[in-house]
Amino acid sequence: MLFEKMKEKDSARNPVFTAIDTLTDTDDIRKFAQEYEDWMVEHGEASIKGREREVARSNIGYILGYYSDGTAALWYKILPEVSHPIFGSGFGRGKVVTLEEALEAAAG
């Protein structure tokens, strides 16, 4: 399983970061995302029961916010169901987040 390989590659790190650093092939990215969602369904915390797949997609979107525009755009293009939980589905797909928007989001 690709998800397990990412966990094993760097066991001290979130496997989503490892996958984003490693995977560039469309099929591999889709497979990883599906396996991550499946893992969340099986191992997710009780507080997200029934929303595991949504949370997995949100986690990927959030983590992509730490990556270059090129890397984020690749993953967002391949996984259209993924979006950033704060800045929305346009983030990483051409939407520019201004400093004011980022500060407002951080302030809650």
N, C-alpha and C. Protein backbone atom coordinates (compact mmCIF):
# COMPACT_ATOMS: atom_id res chain seq x y z
N MET A 1 0.84 -1.19 0.00
CA MET A 1 0.00 0.00 0.00
C MET A 1 0.88 1.25 0.00
N LEU A 2 0.51 2.19 -0.81
CA LEU A 2 1.28 3.42 -0.95
C LEU A 2 1.26 4.25 0.33
N PHE A 3 0.09 4.31 0.98
CA PHE A 3 0.00 5.05 2.24
C PHE A 3 0.97 4.48 3.27
N GLU A 4 1.01 3.17 3.39
CA GLU A 4 1.93 2.53 4.33
C GLU A 4 3.38 2.80 3.98
N LYS A 5 3.70 2.81 2.69
CA LYS A 5 5.07 3.12 2.25
C LYS A 5 5.48 4.52 2.68
N MET A 6 4.56 5.46 2.59
CA MET A 6 4.87 6.84 3.00
C MET A 6 5.07 6.91 4.52
N LYS A 7 4.28 6.14 5.27
CA LYS A 7 4.46 6.11 6.72
C LYS A 7 5.82 5.52 7.08
N GLU A 8 6.21 4.46 6.39
CA GLU A 8 7.48 3.79 6.67
C GLU A 8 8.68 4.61 6.23
N LYS A 9 8.52 5.38 5.18
CA LYS A 9 9.63 6.17 4.63
C LYS A 9 10.17 7.15 5.66
N ASP A 10 9.27 7.75 6.45
CA ASP A 10 9.69 8.64 7.53
C ASP A 10 8.65 8.54 8.63
N SER A 11 8.87 7.60 9.53
CA SER A 11 7.87 7.29 10.56
C SER A 11 7.65 8.44 11.55
N ALA A 12 8.56 9.40 11.60
CA ALA A 12 8.42 10.51 12.54
C ALA A 12 7.63 11.67 11.93
N ARG A 13 7.21 11.51 10.69
CA ARG A 13 6.56 12.60 9.96
C ARG A 13 5.17 12.20 9.49
N ASN A 14 4.30 13.17 9.38
CA ASN A 14 2.96 12.91 8.84
C ASN A 14 3.12 12.38 7.42
N PRO A 15 2.50 11.26 7.10
CA PRO A 15 2.68 10.66 5.77
C PRO A 15 2.16 11.53 4.62
N VAL A 16 1.28 12.47 4.91
CA VAL A 16 0.81 13.36 3.85
C VAL A 16 1.96 14.25 3.38
N PHE A 17 2.75 14.78 4.30
CA PHE A 17 3.93 15.57 3.92
C PHE A 17 4.88 14.73 3.08
N THR A 18 5.13 13.51 3.52
CA THR A 18 6.04 12.62 2.80
C THR A 18 5.52 12.34 1.39
N ALA A 19 4.23 12.11 1.28
CA ALA A 19 3.64 11.84 -0.03
C ALA A 19 3.76 13.05 -0.95
N ILE A 20 3.47 14.23 -0.43
CA ILE A 20 3.56 15.45 -1.25
C ILE A 20 4.99 15.68 -1.69
N ASP A 21 5.94 15.41 -0.81
CA ASP A 21 7.36 15.55 -1.16
C ASP A 21 7.80 14.54 -2.20
N THR A 22 7.15 13.39 -2.24
CA THR A 22 7.63 12.25 -3.02
C THR A 22 6.87 12.01 -4.32
N LEU A 23 5.57 12.11 -4.28
CA LEU A 23 4.74 11.65 -5.40
C LEU A 23 4.47 12.75 -6.43
N THR A 24 4.63 12.40 -7.71
CA THR A 24 4.32 13.32 -8.80
C THR A 24 3.46 12.66 -9.87
N ASP A 25 3.34 11.36 -9.83
CA ASP A 25 2.56 10.62 -10.82
C ASP A 25 1.07 10.70 -10.46
N THR A 26 0.25 10.99 -11.45
CA THR A 26 -1.19 11.15 -11.24
C THR A 26 -1.80 9.94 -10.55
N ASP A 27 -1.53 8.76 -11.05
CA ASP A 27 -2.12 7.55 -10.46
C ASP A 27 -1.66 7.34 -9.02
N ASP A 28 -0.38 7.61 -8.74
CA ASP A 28 0.13 7.46 -7.38
C ASP A 28 -0.52 8.45 -6.43
N ILE A 29 -0.69 9.69 -6.87
CA ILE A 29 -1.32 10.70 -6.01
C ILE A 29 -2.76 10.31 -5.71
N ARG A 30 -3.49 9.88 -6.72
CA ARG A 30 -4.88 9.45 -6.50
C ARG A 30 -4.94 8.24 -5.57
N LYS A 31 -4.05 7.29 -5.80
CA LYS A 31 -4.02 6.08 -4.97
C LYS A 31 -3.70 6.44 -3.53
N PHE A 32 -2.70 7.29 -3.31
CA PHE A 32 -2.35 7.70 -1.96
C PHE A 32 -3.54 8.36 -1.28
N ALA A 33 -4.19 9.29 -1.96
CA ALA A 33 -5.33 10.01 -1.37
C ALA A 33 -6.45 9.04 -0.99
N GLN A 34 -6.74 8.08 -1.85
CA GLN A 34 -7.78 7.09 -1.56
C GLN A 34 -7.39 6.23 -0.35
N GLU A 35 -6.15 5.80 -0.33
CA GLU A 35 -5.69 4.98 0.79
C GLU A 35 -5.67 5.78 2.10
N TYR A 36 -5.34 7.05 2.02
CA TYR A 36 -5.36 7.90 3.21
C TYR A 36 -6.80 8.05 3.72
N GLU A 37 -7.74 8.29 2.82
CA GLU A 37 -9.15 8.37 3.21
C GLU A 37 -9.60 7.06 3.86
N ASP A 38 -9.25 5.95 3.23
CA ASP A 38 -9.61 4.63 3.78
C ASP A 38 -9.01 4.44 5.16
N TRP A 39 -7.75 4.86 5.33
CA TRP A 39 -7.08 4.74 6.63
C TRP A 39 -7.82 5.58 7.68
N MET A 40 -8.24 6.77 7.30
CA MET A 40 -8.96 7.63 8.24
C MET A 40 -10.29 6.99 8.64
N VAL A 41 -10.97 6.36 7.70
CA VAL A 41 -12.23 5.68 8.02
C VAL A 41 -11.99 4.58 9.04
N GLU A 42 -10.91 3.86 8.86
CA GLU A 42 -10.61 2.73 9.75
C GLU A 42 -10.00 3.16 11.08
N HIS A 43 -9.17 4.21 11.07
CA HIS A 43 -8.40 4.56 12.26
C HIS A 43 -8.68 5.96 12.80
N GLY A 44 -9.60 6.69 12.17
CA GLY A 44 -9.88 8.07 12.59
C GLY A 44 -10.45 8.13 14.00
N GLU A 45 -10.27 9.28 14.60
CA GLU A 45 -10.77 9.49 15.96
C GLU A 45 -12.30 9.53 15.98
N ALA A 46 -12.85 9.20 17.11
CA ALA A 46 -14.31 9.17 17.26
C ALA A 46 -14.92 10.54 16.97
N SER A 47 -14.18 11.63 17.23
CA SER A 47 -14.72 12.97 17.04
C SER A 47 -15.01 13.31 15.58
N ILE A 48 -14.46 12.53 14.65
CA ILE A 48 -14.71 12.80 13.22
C ILE A 48 -15.57 11.72 12.58
N LYS A 49 -16.17 10.86 13.38
CA LYS A 49 -16.98 9.75 12.87
C LYS A 49 -17.99 10.25 11.84
N GLY A 50 -17.99 9.61 10.68
CA GLY A 50 -18.88 9.98 9.61
C GLY A 50 -18.33 11.07 8.69
N ARG A 51 -17.24 11.70 9.10
CA ARG A 51 -16.63 12.76 8.30
C ARG A 51 -15.17 12.46 7.96
N GLU A 52 -14.78 11.21 8.09
CA GLU A 52 -13.37 10.85 7.92
C GLU A 52 -12.82 11.22 6.55
N ARG A 53 -13.58 10.96 5.50
CA ARG A 53 -13.10 11.27 4.15
C ARG A 53 -12.98 12.79 3.95
N GLU A 54 -13.93 13.51 4.44
CA GLU A 54 -13.91 14.97 4.37
C GLU A 54 -12.68 15.52 5.12
N VAL A 55 -12.43 14.98 6.29
CA VAL A 55 -11.29 15.43 7.09
C VAL A 55 -9.97 15.07 6.40
N ALA A 56 -9.89 13.90 5.81
CA ALA A 56 -8.68 13.51 5.08
C ALA A 56 -8.40 14.49 3.95
N ARG A 57 -9.43 14.84 3.19
CA ARG A 57 -9.27 15.79 2.07
C ARG A 57 -8.88 17.17 2.59
N SER A 58 -9.47 17.55 3.69
CA SER A 58 -9.15 18.84 4.30
C SER A 58 -7.70 18.86 4.80
N ASN A 59 -7.26 17.75 5.37
CA ASN A 59 -5.87 17.66 5.83
C ASN A 59 -4.90 17.82 4.67
N ILE A 60 -5.18 17.15 3.57
CA ILE A 60 -4.31 17.26 2.39
C ILE A 60 -4.30 18.72 1.92
N GLY A 61 -5.47 19.33 1.82
CA GLY A 61 -5.56 20.72 1.38
C GLY A 61 -4.81 21.67 2.30
N TYR A 62 -4.92 21.46 3.60
CA TYR A 62 -4.21 22.31 4.55
C TYR A 62 -2.71 22.16 4.39
N ILE A 63 -2.24 20.94 4.31
CA ILE A 63 -0.80 20.70 4.19
C ILE A 63 -0.26 21.25 2.88
N LEU A 64 -1.04 21.18 1.81
CA LEU A 64 -0.60 21.75 0.53
C LEU A 64 -0.33 23.25 0.64
N GLY A 65 -0.94 23.91 1.61
CA GLY A 65 -0.70 25.33 1.84
C GLY A 65 0.73 25.65 2.21
N TYR A 66 1.49 24.67 2.64
CA TYR A 66 2.89 24.85 3.00
C TYR A 66 3.84 24.66 1.82
N TYR A 67 3.30 24.28 0.68
CA TYR A 67 4.14 23.92 -0.47
C TYR A 67 4.11 25.00 -1.54
N SER A 68 5.07 24.88 -2.45
CA SER A 68 5.17 25.83 -3.57
C SER A 68 3.91 25.79 -4.41
N ASP A 69 3.69 26.86 -5.15
CA ASP A 69 2.52 26.93 -6.02
C ASP A 69 2.49 25.77 -7.00
N GLY A 70 3.65 25.41 -7.55
CA GLY A 70 3.70 24.33 -8.53
C GLY A 70 3.29 22.99 -7.95
N THR A 71 3.81 22.67 -6.79
CA THR A 71 3.46 21.40 -6.13
C THR A 71 2.00 21.38 -5.74
N ALA A 72 1.53 22.46 -5.13
CA ALA A 72 0.12 22.53 -4.72
C ALA A 72 -0.79 22.43 -5.94
N ALA A 73 -0.46 23.14 -7.01
CA ALA A 73 -1.30 23.12 -8.21
C ALA A 73 -1.39 21.72 -8.79
N LEU A 74 -0.27 20.99 -8.79
CA LEU A 74 -0.29 19.62 -9.30
C LEU A 74 -1.27 18.77 -8.51
N TRP A 75 -1.15 18.79 -7.19
CA TRP A 75 -2.01 17.97 -6.35
C TRP A 75 -3.47 18.41 -6.44
N TYR A 76 -3.72 19.72 -6.45
CA TYR A 76 -5.10 20.21 -6.57
C TYR A 76 -5.71 19.83 -7.91
N LYS A 77 -4.90 19.85 -8.97
CA LYS A 77 -5.40 19.48 -10.30
C LYS A 77 -5.81 18.00 -10.32
N ILE A 78 -4.99 17.16 -9.71
CA ILE A 78 -5.24 15.72 -9.71
C ILE A 78 -6.37 15.35 -8.74
N LEU A 79 -6.51 16.11 -7.67
CA LEU A 79 -7.52 15.82 -6.64
C LEU A 79 -8.50 16.99 -6.53
N PRO A 80 -9.41 17.13 -7.48
CA PRO A 80 -10.32 18.28 -7.46
C PRO A 80 -11.23 18.34 -6.24
N GLU A 81 -11.39 17.23 -5.55
CA GLU A 81 -12.24 17.21 -4.35
C GLU A 81 -11.52 17.77 -3.12
N VAL A 82 -10.23 18.02 -3.23
CA VAL A 82 -9.44 18.56 -2.12
C VAL A 82 -9.47 20.08 -2.18
N SER A 83 -9.64 20.71 -1.01
CA SER A 83 -9.56 22.16 -0.94
C SER A 83 -8.94 22.55 0.40
N HIS A 84 -8.46 23.78 0.45
CA HIS A 84 -7.87 24.28 1.68
C HIS A 84 -9.00 24.59 2.66
N PRO A 85 -8.90 24.13 3.91
CA PRO A 85 -10.02 24.30 4.85
C PRO A 85 -10.27 25.75 5.27
N ILE A 86 -9.30 26.63 5.08
CA ILE A 86 -9.48 28.02 5.48
C ILE A 86 -9.73 28.91 4.27
N PHE A 87 -8.93 28.72 3.22
CA PHE A 87 -9.00 29.62 2.06
C PHE A 87 -9.85 29.09 0.92
N GLY A 88 -10.39 27.89 1.05
CA GLY A 88 -11.35 27.37 0.10
C GLY A 88 -10.78 26.71 -1.13
N SER A 89 -11.68 26.38 -2.04
CA SER A 89 -11.31 25.58 -3.21
C SER A 89 -10.53 26.36 -4.25
N GLY A 90 -10.57 27.69 -4.22
CA GLY A 90 -9.79 28.47 -5.18
C GLY A 90 -8.32 28.55 -4.83
N PHE A 91 -8.00 28.32 -3.56
CA PHE A 91 -6.61 28.38 -3.10
C PHE A 91 -5.84 27.25 -3.75
N GLY A 92 -4.70 27.60 -4.37
CA GLY A 92 -3.91 26.60 -5.06
C GLY A 92 -4.38 26.37 -6.48
N ARG A 93 -5.46 27.05 -6.83
CA ARG A 93 -6.02 26.93 -8.19
C ARG A 93 -6.15 28.31 -8.82
N GLY A 94 -5.24 29.19 -8.47
CA GLY A 94 -5.22 30.53 -9.05
C GLY A 94 -5.69 31.63 -8.12
N LYS A 95 -6.40 31.30 -7.05
CA LYS A 95 -6.84 32.33 -6.11
C LYS A 95 -5.64 32.83 -5.32
N VAL A 96 -5.48 34.14 -5.30
CA VAL A 96 -4.40 34.75 -4.53
C VAL A 96 -4.98 35.17 -3.19
N VAL A 97 -4.34 34.75 -2.13
CA VAL A 97 -4.74 35.13 -0.78
C VAL A 97 -3.90 36.33 -0.37
N THR A 98 -4.57 37.42 -0.08
CA THR A 98 -3.85 38.62 0.33
C THR A 98 -3.40 38.49 1.78
N LEU A 99 -2.48 39.32 2.15
CA LEU A 99 -2.00 39.35 3.53
C LEU A 99 -3.16 39.65 4.47
N GLU A 100 -4.02 40.56 4.08
CA GLU A 100 -5.16 40.91 4.92
C GLU A 100 -6.09 39.72 5.13
N GLU A 101 -6.36 38.96 4.05
CA GLU A 101 -7.19 37.76 4.16
C GLU A 101 -6.56 36.72 5.07
N ALA A 102 -5.26 36.56 4.95
CA ALA A 102 -4.56 35.58 5.80
C ALA A 102 -4.62 36.00 7.25
N LEU A 103 -4.39 37.28 7.53
CA LEU A 103 -4.45 37.76 8.91
C LEU A 103 -5.86 37.66 9.47
N GLU A 104 -6.85 37.96 8.65
CA GLU A 104 -8.23 37.85 9.09
C GLU A 104 -8.59 36.40 9.41
N ALA A 105 -8.16 35.49 8.57
CA ALA A 105 -8.42 34.06 8.81
C ALA A 105 -7.73 33.60 10.08
N ALA A 106 -6.52 34.08 10.32
CA ALA A 106 -5.77 33.69 11.51
C ALA A 106 -6.45 34.22 12.78
N ALA A 107 -7.06 35.38 12.67
CA ALA A 107 -7.71 35.99 13.82
C ALA A 107 -9.03 35.30 14.15
N GLY A 108 -9.55 34.55 13.17
CA GLY A 108 -10.76 33.77 13.42
C GLY A 108 -11.96 34.56 13.12
